[in-house]
Amino acid sequence: MAKPNAPQKTRLENVLAFMMAGVIGISVLAIFAMLIGALFKTELPSLFILLPAAGLPFGALLMITLIIVQARNRAKEKR
């Protein structure tokens, strides 16, 4: 049974959460692809090198943004 006082997630929170998960997930997969490529000594496109370098910091910024949005929404609900 759902709690009547459970905080509702907004569309912005859902979008930020899925973007964060997607960006970090793709970056981690690119890291694994680089490791497997190094294991088999194959050349990979430079995208696999640049993707984690840009994706992980962007994912961290999305996580910080999500935390701030959730804190603002909780503070607004308590008023």
C-alpha atoms as a PDB file:
ATOM      1  CA  MET A   1       0.000   0.000   0.000  1.00  0.00           C
ATOM      2  CA  ALA A   2       1.359   3.413  -0.914  1.00  0.00           C
ATOM      3  CA  LYS A   3       2.164   5.862   1.821  1.00  0.00           C
ATOM      4  CA  PRO A   4       0.119   9.055   1.632  1.00  0.00           C
ATOM      5  CA  ASN A   5       3.119  11.231   2.596  1.00  0.00           C
ATOM      6  CA  ALA A   6       5.545   9.660   0.134  1.00  0.00           C
ATOM      7  CA  PRO A   7       7.304  12.341  -1.925  1.00  0.00           C
ATOM      8  CA  GLN A   8       6.304  12.396  -5.578  1.00  0.00           C
ATOM      9  CA  LYS A   9       9.082  12.351  -8.141  1.00  0.00           C
ATOM     10  CA  THR A  10       8.864  15.080 -10.708  1.00  0.00           C
ATOM     11  CA  ARG A  11       9.558  14.688 -14.401  1.00  0.00           C
ATOM     12  CA  LEU A  12      12.798  16.668 -13.974  1.00  0.00           C
ATOM     13  CA  GLU A  13      14.046  14.214 -11.348  1.00  0.00           C
ATOM     14  CA  ASN A  14      13.236  11.265 -13.595  1.00  0.00           C
ATOM     15  CA  VAL A  15      14.978  12.831 -16.588  1.00  0.00           C
ATOM     16  CA  LEU A  16      18.078  13.684 -14.554  1.00  0.00           C
ATOM     17  CA  ALA A  17      18.224  10.202 -13.020  1.00  0.00           C
ATOM     18  CA  PHE A  18      17.925   8.406 -16.357  1.00  0.00           C
ATOM     19  CA  MET A  19      20.404  10.761 -18.056  1.00  0.00           C
ATOM     20  CA  MET A  20      22.889  10.217 -15.230  1.00  0.00           C
ATOM     21  CA  ALA A  21      22.492   6.438 -15.380  1.00  0.00           C
ATOM     22  CA  GLY A  22      22.805   6.413 -19.167  1.00  0.00           C
ATOM     23  CA  VAL A  23      25.882   8.641 -19.359  1.00  0.00           C
ATOM     24  CA  ILE A  24      27.711   6.818 -16.572  1.00  0.00           C
ATOM     25  CA  GLY A  25      26.672   3.418 -17.940  1.00  0.00           C
ATOM     26  CA  ILE A  26      27.917   4.181 -21.443  1.00  0.00           C
ATOM     27  CA  SER A  27      31.170   5.558 -20.015  1.00  0.00           C
ATOM     28  CA  VAL A  28      31.739   2.387 -17.998  1.00  0.00           C
ATOM     29  CA  LEU A  29      30.998   0.252 -21.064  1.00  0.00           C
ATOM     30  CA  ALA A  30      33.534   2.302 -23.037  1.00  0.00           C
ATOM     31  CA  ILE A  31      36.133   1.668 -20.323  1.00  0.00           C
ATOM     32  CA  PHE A  32      35.461  -2.075 -20.539  1.00  0.00           C
ATOM     33  CA  ALA A  33      35.719  -1.890 -24.337  1.00  0.00           C
ATOM     34  CA  MET A  34      39.109  -0.193 -24.005  1.00  0.00           C
ATOM     35  CA  LEU A  35      40.297  -2.864 -21.560  1.00  0.00           C
ATOM     36  CA  ILE A  36      39.135  -5.682 -23.816  1.00  0.00           C
ATOM     37  CA  GLY A  37      40.682  -3.933 -26.823  1.00  0.00           C
ATOM     38  CA  ALA A  38      43.980  -3.655 -24.985  1.00  0.00           C
ATOM     39  CA  LEU A  39      43.786  -7.311 -24.013  1.00  0.00           C
ATOM     40  CA  PHE A  40      43.408  -8.396 -27.642  1.00  0.00           C
ATOM     41  CA  LYS A  41      45.721  -5.629 -28.913  1.00  0.00           C
ATOM     42  CA  THR A  42      43.213  -4.071 -31.290  1.00  0.00           C
ATOM     43  CA  GLU A  43      42.933  -0.440 -32.321  1.00  0.00           C
ATOM     44  CA  LEU A  44      39.796   1.286 -31.115  1.00  0.00           C
ATOM     45  CA  PRO A  45      38.449   4.615 -32.303  1.00  0.00           C
ATOM     46  CA  SER A  46      39.441   7.599 -30.211  1.00  0.00           C
ATOM     47  CA  LEU A  47      35.797   7.923 -29.170  1.00  0.00           C
ATOM     48  CA  PHE A  48      36.326   5.128 -26.671  1.00  0.00           C
ATOM     49  CA  ILE A  49      39.130   7.126 -25.065  1.00  0.00           C
ATOM     50  CA  LEU A  50      37.294  10.445 -25.018  1.00  0.00           C
ATOM     51  CA  LEU A  51      33.891   9.169 -23.958  1.00  0.00           C
ATOM     52  CA  PRO A  52      34.773   8.255 -20.344  1.00  0.00           C
ATOM     53  CA  ALA A  53      36.910  11.380 -20.001  1.00  0.00           C
ATOM     54  CA  ALA A  54      33.880  13.548 -20.769  1.00  0.00           C
ATOM     55  CA  GLY A  55      31.052  11.252 -19.672  1.00  0.00           C
ATOM     56  CA  LEU A  56      32.068  10.550 -16.093  1.00  0.00           C
ATOM     57  CA  PRO A  57      32.448  14.220 -15.065  1.00  0.00           C
ATOM     58  CA  PHE A  58      29.180  15.040 -16.860  1.00  0.00           C
ATOM     59  CA  GLY A  59      27.504  12.164 -15.000  1.00  0.00           C
ATOM     60  CA  ALA A  60      28.835  13.535 -11.713  1.00  0.00           C
ATOM     61  CA  LEU A  61      27.414  16.971 -12.547  1.00  0.00           C
ATOM     62  CA  LEU A  62      24.067  15.369 -13.317  1.00  0.00           C
ATOM     63  CA  MET A  63      24.184  13.569  -9.965  1.00  0.00           C
ATOM     64  CA  ILE A  64      24.916  16.800  -8.104  1.00  0.00           C
ATOM     65  CA  THR A  65      22.091  18.527  -9.982  1.00  0.00           C
ATOM     66  CA  LEU A  66      19.706  15.698  -9.087  1.00  0.00           C
ATOM     67  CA  ILE A  67      20.624  15.939  -5.412  1.00  0.00           C
ATOM     68  CA  ILE A  68      20.045  19.708  -5.436  1.00  0.00           C
ATOM     69  CA  VAL A  69      16.667  19.348  -7.168  1.00  0.00           C
ATOM     70  CA  GLN A  70      15.563  16.681  -4.705  1.00  0.00           C
ATOM     71  CA  ALA A  71      16.671  18.781  -1.720  1.00  0.00           C
ATOM     72  CA  ARG A  72      14.740  21.797  -3.038  1.00  0.00           C
ATOM     73  CA  ASN A  73      11.621  19.707  -3.584  1.00  0.00           C
ATOM     74  CA  ARG A  74      11.793  18.203  -0.085  1.00  0.00           C
ATOM     75  CA  ALA A  75      12.288  21.641   1.458  1.00  0.00           C
ATOM     76  CA  LYS A  76       9.320  22.941  -0.524  1.00  0.00           C
ATOM     77  CA  GLU A  77       7.136  20.020   0.672  1.00  0.00           C
ATOM     78  CA  LYS A  78       7.978  20.668   4.329  1.00  0.00           C
ATOM     79  CA  ARG A  79       6.694  24.238   4.127  1.00  0.00           C
END
